[in-house]
PDB file of all heavy atoms in Angstrom:
ATOM      1  N   THR A   1     115.767  63.073 104.761  1.00  0.00           N
ATOM      2  CA  THR A   1     116.804  64.084 104.548  1.00  0.00           C
ATOM      3  C   THR A   1     117.726  63.602 103.433  1.00  0.00           C
ATOM      4  O   THR A   1     117.829  62.408 103.179  1.00  0.00           O
ATOM      5  CB  THR A   1     117.651  64.323 105.821  1.00  0.00           C
ATOM      6  OG1 THR A   1     118.264  63.097 106.213  1.00  0.00           O
ATOM      7  CG2 THR A   1     116.810  64.865 106.958  1.00  0.00           C
ATOM      8  N   LEU A   2     118.384  64.557 102.813  1.00  0.00           N
ATOM      9  CA  LEU A   2     119.291  64.216 101.718  1.00  0.00           C
ATOM     10  C   LEU A   2     120.667  64.795 101.985  1.00  0.00           C
ATOM     11  O   LEU A   2     120.762  65.909 102.502  1.00  0.00           O
ATOM     12  CB  LEU A   2     118.756  64.761 100.395  1.00  0.00           C
ATOM     13  CG  LEU A   2     117.471  64.139  99.902  1.00  0.00           C
ATOM     14  CD1 LEU A   2     116.991  64.857  98.653  1.00  0.00           C
ATOM     15  CD2 LEU A   2     117.627  62.658  99.635  1.00  0.00           C
ATOM     16  N   PRO A   3     121.719  64.138 101.613  1.00  0.00           N
ATOM     17  CA  PRO A   3     121.734  62.738 101.211  1.00  0.00           C
ATOM     18  C   PRO A   3     121.576  61.830 102.433  1.00  0.00           C
ATOM     19  O   PRO A   3     121.973  62.192 103.541  1.00  0.00           O
ATOM     20  CB  PRO A   3     123.105  62.557 100.577  1.00  0.00           C
ATOM     21  CG  PRO A   3     123.963  63.577 101.259  1.00  0.00           C
ATOM     22  CD  PRO A   3     123.048  64.731 101.576  1.00  0.00           C
ATOM     23  N   THR A   4     121.010  60.661 102.223  1.00  0.00           N
ATOM     24  CA  THR A   4     120.880  59.647 103.263  1.00  0.00           C
ATOM     25  C   THR A   4     121.660  58.429 102.802  1.00  0.00           C
ATOM     26  O   THR A   4     121.554  58.017 101.648  1.00  0.00           O
ATOM     27  CB  THR A   4     119.398  59.272 103.488  1.00  0.00           C
ATOM     28  OG1 THR A   4     118.706  60.415 103.975  1.00  0.00           O
ATOM     29  CG2 THR A   4     119.270  58.137 104.485  1.00  0.00           C
ATOM     30  N   ILE A   5     122.450  57.881 103.712  1.00  0.00           N
ATOM     31  CA  ILE A   5     123.277  56.711 103.386  1.00  0.00           C
ATOM     32  C   ILE A   5     122.894  55.557 104.305  1.00  0.00           C
ATOM     33  O   ILE A   5     122.767  55.730 105.519  1.00  0.00           O
ATOM     34  CB  ILE A   5     124.775  57.037 103.524  1.00  0.00           C
ATOM     35  CG1 ILE A   5     125.162  58.166 102.558  1.00  0.00           C
ATOM     36  CG2 ILE A   5     125.623  55.794 103.293  1.00  0.00           C
ATOM     37  CD1 ILE A   5     126.578  58.678 102.712  1.00  0.00           C
ATOM     38  N   TYR A   6     122.721  54.399 103.690  1.00  0.00           N
ATOM     39  CA  TYR A   6     122.442  53.170 104.437  1.00  0.00           C
ATOM     40  C   TYR A   6     123.541  52.151 104.175  1.00  0.00           C
ATOM     41  O   TYR A   6     124.081  52.076 103.069  1.00  0.00           O
ATOM     42  CB  TYR A   6     121.108  52.548 104.002  1.00  0.00           C
ATOM     43  CG  TYR A   6     119.911  53.110 104.709  1.00  0.00           C
ATOM     44  CD1 TYR A   6     119.183  54.150 104.147  1.00  0.00           C
ATOM     45  CD2 TYR A   6     119.498  52.606 105.932  1.00  0.00           C
ATOM     46  CE1 TYR A   6     118.076  54.666 104.787  1.00  0.00           C
ATOM     47  CE2 TYR A   6     118.394  53.118 106.579  1.00  0.00           C
ATOM     48  CZ  TYR A   6     117.682  54.142 106.010  1.00  0.00           C
ATOM     49  OH  TYR A   6     116.588  54.645 106.641  1.00  0.00           O
ATOM     50  N   HIS A   7     123.813  51.367 105.186  1.00  0.00           N
ATOM     51  CA  HIS A   7     124.660  50.181 105.048  1.00  0.00           C
ATOM     52  C   HIS A   7     123.721  48.985 105.135  1.00  0.00           C
ATOM     53  O   HIS A   7     122.830  48.947 105.974  1.00  0.00           O
ATOM     54  CB  HIS A   7     125.695  50.121 106.181  1.00  0.00           C
ATOM     55  CG  HIS A   7     126.495  48.860 106.164  1.00  0.00           C
ATOM     56  ND1 HIS A   7     126.126  47.750 106.888  1.00  0.00           N
ATOM     57  CD2 HIS A   7     127.632  48.536 105.510  1.00  0.00           C
ATOM     58  CE1 HIS A   7     127.001  46.782 106.675  1.00  0.00           C
ATOM     59  NE2 HIS A   7     127.936  47.238 105.839  1.00  0.00           N
ATOM     60  N   ALA A   8     123.905  48.029 104.250  1.00  0.00           N
ATOM     61  CA  ALA A   8     123.101  46.810 104.277  1.00  0.00           C
ATOM     62  C   ALA A   8     124.044  45.610 104.243  1.00  0.00           C
ATOM     63  O   ALA A   8     125.000  45.588 103.472  1.00  0.00           O
ATOM     64  CB  ALA A   8     122.161  46.761 103.081  1.00  0.00           C
ATOM     65  N   ASN A   9     123.762  44.658 105.102  1.00  0.00           N
ATOM     66  CA  ASN A   9     124.541  43.430 105.119  1.00  0.00           C
ATOM     67  C   ASN A   9     123.557  42.264 105.201  1.00  0.00           C
ATOM     68  O   ASN A   9     122.945  42.039 106.244  1.00  0.00           O
ATOM     69  CB  ASN A   9     125.519  43.411 106.289  1.00  0.00           C
ATOM     70  CG  ASN A   9     126.495  42.262 106.205  1.00  0.00           C
ATOM     71  OD1 ASN A   9     126.812  41.796 105.115  1.00  0.00           O
ATOM     72  ND2 ASN A   9     126.960  41.802 107.348  1.00  0.00           N
ATOM     73  N   ASP A  10     123.384  41.575 104.074  1.00  0.00           N
ATOM     74  CA  ASP A  10     122.450  40.446 103.979  1.00  0.00           C
ATOM     75  C   ASP A  10     121.060  40.797 104.492  1.00  0.00           C
ATOM     76  O   ASP A  10     120.460  40.059 105.268  1.00  0.00           O
ATOM     77  CB  ASP A  10     123.013  39.219 104.708  1.00  0.00           C
ATOM     78  CG  ASP A  10     124.234  38.652 104.000  1.00  0.00           C
ATOM     79  OD1 ASP A  10     124.283  38.726 102.755  1.00  0.00           O
ATOM     80  OD2 ASP A  10     125.135  38.131 104.690  1.00  0.00           O
ATOM     81  N   GLY A  11     120.565  41.949 104.078  1.00  0.00           N
ATOM     82  CA  GLY A  11     119.202  42.354 104.407  1.00  0.00           C
ATOM     83  C   GLY A  11     119.025  43.041 105.746  1.00  0.00           C
ATOM     84  O   GLY A  11     117.918  43.390 106.121  1.00  0.00           O
ATOM     85  N   VAL A  12     120.107  43.253 106.482  1.00  0.00           N
ATOM     86  CA  VAL A  12     120.049  43.994 107.751  1.00  0.00           C
ATOM     87  C   VAL A  12     120.546  45.401 107.458  1.00  0.00           C
ATOM     88  O   VAL A  12     121.671  45.587 107.010  1.00  0.00           O
ATOM     89  CB  VAL A  12     120.907  43.319 108.846  1.00  0.00           C
ATOM     90  CG1 VAL A  12     120.876  44.140 110.127  1.00  0.00           C
ATOM     91  CG2 VAL A  12     120.431  41.899 109.090  1.00  0.00           C
ATOM     92  N   PHE A  13     119.686  46.384 107.720  1.00  0.00           N
ATOM     93  CA  PHE A  13     119.977  47.757 107.337  1.00  0.00           C
ATOM     94  C   PHE A  13     120.359  48.601 108.545  1.00  0.00           C
ATOM     95  O   PHE A  13     119.757  48.496 109.611  1.00  0.00           O
ATOM     96  CB  PHE A  13     118.747  48.387 106.656  1.00  0.00           C
ATOM     97  CG  PHE A  13     118.378  47.697 105.383  1.00  0.00           C
ATOM     98  CD1 PHE A  13     117.481  46.635 105.386  1.00  0.00           C
ATOM     99  CD2 PHE A  13     118.937  48.083 104.180  1.00  0.00           C
ATOM    100  CE1 PHE A  13     117.151  45.982 104.216  1.00  0.00           C
ATOM    101  CE2 PHE A  13     118.614  47.446 103.005  1.00  0.00           C
ATOM    102  CZ  PHE A  13     117.711  46.384 103.024  1.00  0.00           C
ATOM    103  N   ARG A  14     121.359  49.455 108.316  1.00  0.00           N
ATOM    104  CA  ARG A  14     121.790  50.413 109.329  1.00  0.00           C
ATOM    105  C   ARG A  14     121.987  51.756 108.648  1.00  0.00           C
ATOM    106  O   ARG A  14     122.572  51.828 107.574  1.00  0.00           O
ATOM    107  CB  ARG A  14     123.103  49.961 109.966  1.00  0.00           C
ATOM    108  CG  ARG A  14     122.976  48.716 110.807  1.00  0.00           C
ATOM    109  CD  ARG A  14     124.359  48.207 111.223  1.00  0.00           C
ATOM    110  NE  ARG A  14     124.275  47.148 112.194  1.00  0.00           N
ATOM    111  CZ  ARG A  14     124.127  45.858 111.877  1.00  0.00           C
ATOM    112  NH1 ARG A  14     124.045  45.490 110.616  1.00  0.00           N
ATOM    113  NH2 ARG A  14     124.072  44.944 112.823  1.00  0.00           N
ATOM    114  N   ARG A  15     121.526  52.781 109.298  1.00  0.00           N
ATOM    115  CA  ARG A  15     121.700  54.123 108.727  1.00  0.00           C
ATOM    116  C   ARG A  15     123.085  54.640 109.083  1.00  0.00           C
ATOM    117  O   ARG A  15     123.486  54.629 110.243  1.00  0.00           O
ATOM    118  CB  ARG A  15     120.621  55.059 109.272  1.00  0.00           C
ATOM    119  CG  ARG A  15     120.766  56.465 108.744  1.00  0.00           C
ATOM    120  CD  ARG A  15     119.495  57.012 108.223  1.00  0.00           C
ATOM    121  NE  ARG A  15     119.716  58.356 107.733  1.00  0.00           N
ATOM    122  CZ  ARG A  15     118.965  59.375 108.034  1.00  0.00           C
ATOM    123  NH1 ARG A  15     117.909  59.204 108.801  1.00  0.00           N
ATOM    124  NH2 ARG A  15     119.225  60.563 107.555  1.00  0.00           N
ATOM    125  N   TYR A  16     123.819  55.075 108.067  1.00  0.00           N
ATOM    126  CA  TYR A  16     125.149  55.631 108.266  1.00  0.00           C
ATOM    127  C   TYR A  16     124.999  57.107 108.609  1.00  0.00           C
ATOM    128  O   TYR A  16     124.389  57.866 107.864  1.00  0.00           O
ATOM    129  CB  TYR A  16     125.994  55.458 107.003  1.00  0.00           C
ATOM    130  CG  TYR A  16     127.355  56.097 107.104  1.00  0.00           C
ATOM    131  CD1 TYR A  16     128.371  55.461 107.805  1.00  0.00           C
ATOM    132  CD2 TYR A  16     127.616  57.325 106.516  1.00  0.00           C
ATOM    133  CE1 TYR A  16     129.633  56.040 107.914  1.00  0.00           C
ATOM    134  CE2 TYR A  16     128.867  57.905 106.613  1.00  0.00           C
ATOM    135  CZ  TYR A  16     129.863  57.260 107.314  1.00  0.00           C
ATOM    136  OH  TYR A  16     131.113  57.846 107.422  1.00  0.00           O
ATOM    137  N   ARG A  17     125.561  57.499 109.746  1.00  0.00           N
ATOM    138  CA  ARG A  17     125.457  58.886 110.184  1.00  0.00           C
ATOM    139  C   ARG A  17     126.831  59.524 110.400  1.00  0.00           C
ATOM    140  O   ARG A  17     126.935  60.576 110.991  1.00  0.00           O
ATOM    141  CB  ARG A  17     124.642  58.977 111.471  1.00  0.00           C
ATOM    142  CG  ARG A  17     123.213  58.517 111.287  1.00  0.00           C
ATOM    143  CD  ARG A  17     122.422  58.693 112.569  1.00  0.00           C
ATOM    144  NE  ARG A  17     121.126  58.093 112.493  1.00  0.00           N
ATOM    145  CZ  ARG A  17     120.026  58.703 112.090  1.00  0.00           C
ATOM    146  NH1 ARG A  17     120.075  59.961 111.709  1.00  0.00           N
ATOM    147  NH2 ARG A  17     118.866  58.075 112.068  1.00  0.00           N
ATOM    148  N   GLY A  18     127.862  58.870 109.906  1.00  0.00           N
ATOM    149  CA  GLY A  18     129.222  59.369 110.107  1.00  0.00           C
ATOM    150  C   GLY A  18     129.602  60.441 109.103  1.00  0.00           C
ATOM    151  O   GLY A  18     128.800  60.904 108.294  1.00  0.00           O
ATOM    152  N   SER A  19     130.858  60.796 109.180  1.00  0.00           N
ATOM    153  CA  SER A  19     131.417  61.792 108.279  1.00  0.00           C
ATOM    154  C   SER A  19     131.382  61.255 106.847  1.00  0.00           C
ATOM    155  O   SER A  19     131.445  60.053 106.616  1.00  0.00           O
ATOM    156  CB  SER A  19     132.852  62.089 108.700  1.00  0.00           C
ATOM    157  OG  SER A  19     133.495  62.868 107.723  1.00  0.00           O
ATOM    158  N   ARG A  20     131.324  62.143 105.908  1.00  0.00           N
ATOM    159  CA  ARG A  20     131.196  61.728 104.507  1.00  0.00           C
ATOM    160  C   ARG A  20     132.500  61.908 103.740  1.00  0.00           C
ATOM    161  O   ARG A  20     132.486  62.219 102.561  1.00  0.00           O
ATOM    162  CB  ARG A  20     130.054  62.500 103.869  1.00  0.00           C
ATOM    163  CG  ARG A  20     128.766  62.120 104.592  1.00  0.00           C
ATOM    164  CD  ARG A  20     127.560  62.592 103.946  1.00  0.00           C
ATOM    165  NE  ARG A  20     126.411  62.089 104.692  1.00  0.00           N
ATOM    166  CZ  ARG A  20     125.334  62.770 104.898  1.00  0.00           C
ATOM    167  NH1 ARG A  20     125.226  63.988 104.439  1.00  0.00           N
ATOM    168  NH2 ARG A  20     124.332  62.241 105.554  1.00  0.00           N
ATOM    169  N   THR A  21     133.582  61.660 104.427  1.00  0.00           N
ATOM    170  CA  THR A  21     134.877  61.664 103.748  1.00  0.00           C
ATOM    171  C   THR A  21     135.162  60.247 103.258  1.00  0.00           C
ATOM    172  O   THR A  21     134.630  59.268 103.796  1.00  0.00           O
ATOM    173  CB  THR A  21     136.013  62.115 104.686  1.00  0.00           C
ATOM    174  OG1 THR A  21     136.166  61.140 105.728  1.00  0.00           O
ATOM    175  CG2 THR A  21     135.735  63.492 105.276  1.00  0.00           C
ATOM    176  N   LEU A  22     136.002  60.138 102.254  1.00  0.00           N
ATOM    177  CA  LEU A  22     136.346  58.835 101.698  1.00  0.00           C
ATOM    178  C   LEU A  22     136.962  57.931 102.765  1.00  0.00           C
ATOM    179  O   LEU A  22     136.611  56.750 102.870  1.00  0.00           O
ATOM    180  CB  LEU A  22     137.308  59.011 100.516  1.00  0.00           C
ATOM    181  CG  LEU A  22     137.773  57.729  99.844  1.00  0.00           C
ATOM    182  CD1 LEU A  22     136.587  56.930  99.304  1.00  0.00           C
ATOM    183  CD2 LEU A  22     138.763  58.059  98.728  1.00  0.00           C
ATOM    184  N   GLU A  23     137.850  58.488 103.580  1.00  0.00           N
ATOM    185  CA  GLU A  23     138.518  57.698 104.611  1.00  0.00           C
ATOM    186  C   GLU A  23     137.516  57.157 105.630  1.00  0.00           C
ATOM    187  O   GLU A  23     137.594  55.996 106.032  1.00  0.00           O
ATOM    188  CB  GLU A  23     139.595  58.537 105.326  1.00  0.00           C
ATOM    189  CG  GLU A  23     140.747  58.948 104.437  1.00  0.00           C
ATOM    190  CD  GLU A  23     140.397  60.124 103.501  1.00  0.00           C
ATOM    191  OE1 GLU A  23     139.466  60.903 103.801  1.00  0.00           O
ATOM    192  OE2 GLU A  23     141.050  60.234 102.443  1.00  0.00           O
ATOM    193  N   ASP A  24     136.572  57.971 106.052  1.00  0.00           N
ATOM    194  CA  ASP A  24     135.592  57.530 107.048  1.00  0.00           C
ATOM    195  C   ASP A  24     134.642  56.483 106.474  1.00  0.00           C
ATOM    196  O   ASP A  24     134.258  55.536 107.168  1.00  0.00           O
ATOM    197  CB  ASP A  24     134.811  58.714 107.602  1.00  0.00           C
ATOM    198  CG  ASP A  24     135.638  59.555 108.556  1.00  0.00           C
ATOM    199  OD1 ASP A  24     136.608  59.014 109.129  1.00  0.00           O
ATOM    200  OD2 ASP A  24     135.330  60.746 108.731  1.00  0.00           O
ATOM    201  N   LEU A  25     134.262  56.633 105.213  1.00  0.00           N
ATOM    202  CA  LEU A  25     133.412  55.625 104.584  1.00  0.00           C
ATOM    203  C   LEU A  25     134.150  54.296 104.478  1.00  0.00           C
ATOM    204  O   LEU A  25     133.596  53.229 104.772  1.00  0.00           O
ATOM    205  CB  LEU A  25     132.957  56.099 103.201  1.00  0.00           C
ATOM    206  CG  LEU A  25     131.943  57.238 103.180  1.00  0.00           C
ATOM    207  CD1 LEU A  25     131.840  57.845 101.782  1.00  0.00           C
ATOM    208  CD2 LEU A  25     130.579  56.754 103.649  1.00  0.00           C
ATOM    209  N   GLN A  26     135.426  54.351 104.091  1.00  0.00           N
ATOM    210  CA  GLN A  26     136.230  53.133 103.988  1.00  0.00           C
ATOM    211  C   GLN A  26     136.421  52.482 105.358  1.00  0.00           C
ATOM    212  O   GLN A  26     136.282  51.268 105.502  1.00  0.00           O
ATOM    213  CB  GLN A  26     137.584  53.439 103.350  1.00  0.00           C
ATOM    214  CG  GLN A  26     137.501  53.774 101.893  1.00  0.00           C
ATOM    215  CD  GLN A  26     138.825  54.259 101.322  1.00  0.00           C
ATOM    216  OE1 GLN A  26     139.661  54.831 102.027  1.00  0.00           O
ATOM    217  NE2 GLN A  26     139.015  54.041 100.030  1.00  0.00           N
ATOM    218  N   ASP A  27     136.720  53.298 106.361  1.00  0.00           N
ATOM    219  CA  ASP A  27     136.910  52.768 107.716  1.00  0.00           C
ATOM    220  C   ASP A  27     135.626  52.129 108.252  1.00  0.00           C
ATOM    221  O   ASP A  27     135.685  51.126 108.962  1.00  0.00           O
ATOM    222  CB  ASP A  27     137.365  53.870 108.678  1.00  0.00           C
ATOM    223  CG  ASP A  27     138.806  54.290 108.442  1.00  0.00           C
ATOM    224  OD1 ASP A  27     139.532  53.565 107.717  1.00  0.00           O
ATOM    225  OD2 ASP A  27     139.196  55.348 108.979  1.00  0.00           O
ATOM    226  N   TYR A  28     134.506  52.705 107.936  1.00  0.00           N
ATOM    227  CA  TYR A  28     133.210  52.175 108.388  1.00  0.00           C
ATOM    228  C   TYR A  28     133.042  50.726 107.931  1.00  0.00           C
ATOM    229  O   TYR A  28     132.535  49.891 108.672  1.00  0.00           O
ATOM    230  CB  TYR A  28     132.087  53.059 107.837  1.00  0.00           C
ATOM    231  CG  TYR A  28     130.714  52.712 108.340  1.00  0.00           C
ATOM    232  CD1 TYR A  28     130.294  53.101 109.608  1.00  0.00           C
ATOM    233  CD2 TYR A  28     129.810  52.020 107.539  1.00  0.00           C
ATOM    234  CE1 TYR A  28     129.025  52.807 110.067  1.00  0.00           C
ATOM    235  CE2 TYR A  28     128.538  51.720 107.994  1.00  0.00           C
ATOM    236  CZ  TYR A  28     128.151  52.120 109.251  1.00  0.00           C
ATOM    237  OH  TYR A  28     126.890  51.814 109.699  1.00  0.00           O
ATOM    238  N   VAL A  29     133.496  50.441 106.713  1.00  0.00           N
ATOM    239  CA  VAL A  29     133.373  49.094 106.165  1.00  0.00           C
ATOM    240  C   VAL A  29     134.549  48.218 106.619  1.00  0.00           C
ATOM    241  O   VAL A  29     134.341  47.108 107.131  1.00  0.00           O
ATOM    242  CB  VAL A  29     133.292  49.139 104.623  1.00  0.00           C
ATOM    243  CG1 VAL A  29     133.303  47.746 104.036  1.00  0.00           C
ATOM    244  CG2 VAL A  29     132.056  49.901 104.186  1.00  0.00           C
ATOM    245  N   MET A  30     135.787  48.695 106.451  1.00  0.00           N
ATOM    246  CA  MET A  30     136.969  47.871 106.757  1.00  0.00           C
ATOM    247  C   MET A  30     137.059  47.508 108.236  1.00  0.00           C
ATOM    248  O   MET A  30     137.384  46.382 108.582  1.00  0.00           O
ATOM    249  CB  MET A  30     138.253  48.586 106.316  1.00  0.00           C
ATOM    250  CG  MET A  30     138.466  48.570 104.826  1.00  0.00           C
ATOM    251  SD  MET A  30     140.109  49.108 104.289  1.00  0.00           S
ATOM    252  CE  MET A  30     140.384  50.613 105.185  1.00  0.00           C
ATOM    253  N   GLU A  31     136.768  48.460 109.095  1.00  0.00           N
ATOM    254  CA  GLU A  31     136.870  48.225 110.529  1.00  0.00           C
ATOM    255  C   GLU A  31     135.564  47.710 111.129  1.00  0.00           C
ATOM    256  O   GLU A  31     135.453  47.596 112.350  1.00  0.00           O
ATOM    257  CB  GLU A  31     137.318  49.510 111.229  1.00  0.00           C
ATOM    258  CG  GLU A  31     138.705  49.959 110.808  1.00  0.00           C
ATOM    259  CD  GLU A  31     139.107  51.298 111.421  1.00  0.00           C
ATOM    260  OE1 GLU A  31     138.409  51.774 112.340  1.00  0.00           O
ATOM    261  OE2 GLU A  31     140.115  51.863 110.960  1.00  0.00           O
ATOM    262  N   ARG A  32     134.609  47.444 110.262  1.00  0.00           N
ATOM    263  CA  ARG A  32     133.298  46.906 110.673  1.00  0.00           C
ATOM    264  C   ARG A  32     132.618  47.776 111.741  1.00  0.00           C
ATOM    265  O   ARG A  32     132.007  47.273 112.678  1.00  0.00           O
ATOM    266  CB  ARG A  32     133.423  45.469 111.141  1.00  0.00           C
ATOM    267  CG  ARG A  32     133.899  44.541 110.054  1.00  0.00           C
ATOM    268  CD  ARG A  32     134.029  43.125 110.551  1.00  0.00           C
ATOM    269  NE  ARG A  32     134.244  42.225 109.447  1.00  0.00           N
ATOM    270  CZ  ARG A  32     133.303  41.454 108.918  1.00  0.00           C
ATOM    271  NH1 ARG A  32     132.099  41.471 109.399  1.00  0.00           N
ATOM    272  NH2 ARG A  32     133.590  40.664 107.913  1.00  0.00           N
ATOM    273  N   LYS A  33     132.741  49.091 111.584  1.00  0.00           N
ATOM    274  CA  LYS A  33     132.107  50.010 112.528  1.00  0.00           C
ATOM    275  C   LYS A  33     130.591  49.893 112.474  1.00  0.00           C
ATOM    276  O   LYS A  33     129.903  50.255 113.417  1.00  0.00           O
ATOM    277  CB  LYS A  33     132.546  51.447 112.235  1.00  0.00           C
ATOM    278  CG  LYS A  33     133.997  51.703 112.553  1.00  0.00           C
ATOM    279  CD  LYS A  33     134.379  53.141 112.271  1.00  0.00           C
ATOM    280  CE  LYS A  33     135.833  53.397 112.626  1.00  0.00           C
ATOM    281  NZ  LYS A  33     136.218  54.790 112.379  1.00  0.00           N
ATOM    282  N   TRP A  34     130.070  49.365 111.380  1.00  0.00           N
ATOM    283  CA  TRP A  34     128.630  49.210 111.235  1.00  0.00           C
ATOM    284  C   TRP A  34     128.060  48.246 112.265  1.00  0.00           C
ATOM    285  O   TRP A  34     126.880  48.314 112.588  1.00  0.00           O
ATOM    286  CB  TRP A  34     128.264  48.768 109.815  1.00  0.00           C
ATOM    287  CG  TRP A  34     129.018  47.579 109.299  1.00  0.00           C
ATOM    288  CD1 TRP A  34     130.172  47.592 108.584  1.00  0.00           C
ATOM    289  CD2 TRP A  34     128.668  46.198 109.439  1.00  0.00           C
ATOM    290  NE1 TRP A  34     130.575  46.316 108.274  1.00  0.00           N
ATOM    291  CE2 TRP A  34     129.655  45.436 108.793  1.00  0.00           C
ATOM    292  CE3 TRP A  34     127.606  45.541 110.051  1.00  0.00           C
ATOM    293  CZ2 TRP A  34     129.621  44.049 108.743  1.00  0.00           C
ATOM    294  CZ3 TRP A  34     127.577  44.160 109.994  1.00  0.00           C
ATOM    295  CH2 TRP A  34     128.566  43.432 109.349  1.00  0.00           C
ATOM    296  N   LYS A  35     128.893  47.367 112.814  1.00  0.00           N
ATOM    297  CA  LYS A  35     128.410  46.416 113.820  1.00  0.00           C
ATOM    298  C   LYS A  35     127.987  47.113 115.110  1.00  0.00           C
ATOM    299  O   LYS A  35     127.185  46.586 115.863  1.00  0.00           O
ATOM    300  CB  LYS A  35     129.463  45.355 114.114  1.00  0.00           C
ATOM    301  CG  LYS A  35     129.587  44.333 113.009  1.00  0.00           C
ATOM    302  CD  LYS A  35     130.428  43.165 113.449  1.00  0.00           C
ATOM    303  CE  LYS A  35     130.343  42.073 112.403  1.00  0.00           C
ATOM    304  NZ  LYS A  35     130.876  40.811 112.890  1.00  0.00           N
ATOM    305  N   SER A  36     128.541  48.298 115.375  1.00  0.00           N
ATOM    306  CA  SER A  36     128.195  49.018 116.601  1.00  0.00           C
ATOM    307  C   SER A  36     126.963  49.920 116.412  1.00  0.00           C
ATOM    308  O   SER A  36     126.520  50.552 117.364  1.00  0.00           O
ATOM    309  CB  SER A  36     129.381  49.859 117.075  1.00  0.00           C
ATOM    310  OG  SER A  36     129.681  50.870 116.131  1.00  0.00           O
ATOM    311  N   VAL A  37     126.415  49.946 115.200  1.00  0.00           N
ATOM    312  CA  VAL A  37     125.232  50.764 114.913  1.00  0.00           C
ATOM    313  C   VAL A  37     123.992  49.879 115.022  1.00  0.00           C
ATOM    314  O   VAL A  37     123.966  48.767 114.502  1.00  0.00           O
ATOM    315  CB  VAL A  37     125.314  51.383 113.493  1.00  0.00           C
ATOM    316  CG1 VAL A  37     124.061  52.152 113.162  1.00  0.00           C
ATOM    317  CG2 VAL A  37     126.553  52.265 113.377  1.00  0.00           C
ATOM    318  N   GLU A  38     122.992  50.391 115.714  1.00  0.00           N
ATOM    319  CA  GLU A  38     121.733  49.648 115.885  1.00  0.00           C
ATOM    320  C   GLU A  38     121.057  49.464 114.522  1.00  0.00           C
ATOM    321  O   GLU A  38     120.851  50.431 113.795  1.00  0.00           O
ATOM    322  CB  GLU A  38     120.804  50.433 116.819  1.00  0.00           C
ATOM    323  CG  GLU A  38     119.553  49.714 117.206  1.00  0.00           C
ATOM    324  CD  GLU A  38     119.802  48.575 118.181  1.00  0.00           C
ATOM    325  OE1 GLU A  38     120.803  48.630 118.930  1.00  0.00           O
ATOM    326  OE2 GLU A  38     118.994  47.646 118.181  1.00  0.00           O
ATOM    327  N   PRO A  39     120.681  48.219 114.179  1.00  0.00           N
ATOM    328  CA  PRO A  39     119.980  48.001 112.907  1.00  0.00           C
ATOM    329  C   PRO A  39     118.601  48.661 112.905  1.00  0.00           C
ATOM    330  O   PRO A  39     118.018  48.913 113.957  1.00  0.00           O
ATOM    331  CB  PRO A  39     119.830  46.481 112.823  1.00  0.00           C
ATOM    332  CG  PRO A  39     120.736  45.911 113.855  1.00  0.00           C
ATOM    333  CD  PRO A  39     120.948  46.980 114.887  1.00  0.00           C
ATOM    334  N   VAL A  40     118.108  48.928 111.714  1.00  0.00           N
ATOM    335  CA  VAL A  40     116.755  49.467 111.567  1.00  0.00           C
ATOM    336  C   VAL A  40     115.796  48.434 112.140  1.00  0.00           C
ATOM    337  O   VAL A  40     115.918  47.233 111.866  1.00  0.00           O
ATOM    338  CB  VAL A  40     116.452  49.740 110.072  1.00  0.00           C
ATOM    339  CG1 VAL A  40     115.011  50.166 109.881  1.00  0.00           C
ATOM    340  CG2 VAL A  40     117.402  50.786 109.525  1.00  0.00           C
ATOM    341  N   ALA A  41     114.830  48.898 112.939  1.00  0.00           N
ATOM    342  CA  ALA A  41     113.862  47.998 113.575  1.00  0.00           C
ATOM    343  C   ALA A  41     113.147  47.163 112.524  1.00  0.00           C
ATOM    344  O   ALA A  41     112.904  47.624 111.405  1.00  0.00           O
ATOM    345  CB  ALA A  41     112.854  48.804 114.387  1.00  0.00           C
ATOM    346  N   GLY A  42     112.782  45.951 112.896  1.00  0.00           N
ATOM    347  CA  GLY A  42     112.164  45.007 111.968  1.00  0.00           C
ATOM    348  C   GLY A  42     110.972  45.560 111.210  1.00  0.00           C
ATOM    349  O   GLY A  42     110.861  45.388 110.002  1.00  0.00           O
ATOM    350  N   TRP A  43     110.079  46.263 111.879  1.00  0.00           N
ATOM    351  CA  TRP A  43     108.885  46.786 111.215  1.00  0.00           C
ATOM    352  C   TRP A  43     109.213  47.941 110.284  1.00  0.00           C
ATOM    353  O   TRP A  43     108.465  48.224 109.352  1.00  0.00           O
ATOM    354  CB  TRP A  43     107.822  47.199 112.232  1.00  0.00           C
ATOM    355  CG  TRP A  43     108.203  48.370 113.085  1.00  0.00           C
ATOM    356  CD1 TRP A  43     108.886  48.347 114.252  1.00  0.00           C
ATOM    357  CD2 TRP A  43     107.933  49.740 112.810  1.00  0.00           C
ATOM    358  NE1 TRP A  43     109.068  49.610 114.731  1.00  0.00           N
ATOM    359  CE2 TRP A  43     108.487  50.499 113.873  1.00  0.00           C
ATOM    360  CE3 TRP A  43     107.282  50.412 111.775  1.00  0.00           C
ATOM    361  CZ2 TRP A  43     108.398  51.877 113.922  1.00  0.00           C
ATOM    362  CZ3 TRP A  43     107.199  51.803 111.830  1.00  0.00           C
ATOM    363  CH2 TRP A  43     107.748  52.510 112.902  1.00  0.00           C
ATOM    364  N   ARG A  44     110.357  48.625 110.523  1.00  0.00           N
ATOM    365  CA  ARG A  44     110.768  49.734 109.656  1.00  0.00           C
ATOM    366  C   ARG A  44     111.782  49.305 108.604  1.00  0.00           C
ATOM    367  O   ARG A  44     112.232  50.122 107.811  1.00  0.00           O
ATOM    368  CB  ARG A  44     111.373  50.862 110.495  1.00  0.00           C
ATOM    369  CG  ARG A  44     110.306  51.659 111.220  1.00  0.00           C
ATOM    370  CD  ARG A  44     110.830  52.942 111.779  1.00  0.00           C
ATOM    371  NE  ARG A  44     111.342  53.817 110.733  1.00  0.00           N
ATOM    372  CZ  ARG A  44     112.273  54.719 110.911  1.00  0.00           C
ATOM    373  NH1 ARG A  44     112.825  54.885 112.083  1.00  0.00           N
ATOM    374  NH2 ARG A  44     112.678  55.486 109.922  1.00  0.00           N
TER     375      ARG A  44
END
């Protein structure tokens, strides 16, 4: 699907499914919300 957004941290990938506002994107990184998202499975 488009657009698709991924967060990557040292080779660990997580698909971002949140709101696409500037504030939500910033909060996702600053507040480390990506830690609560399940990483992409190893084989995928």
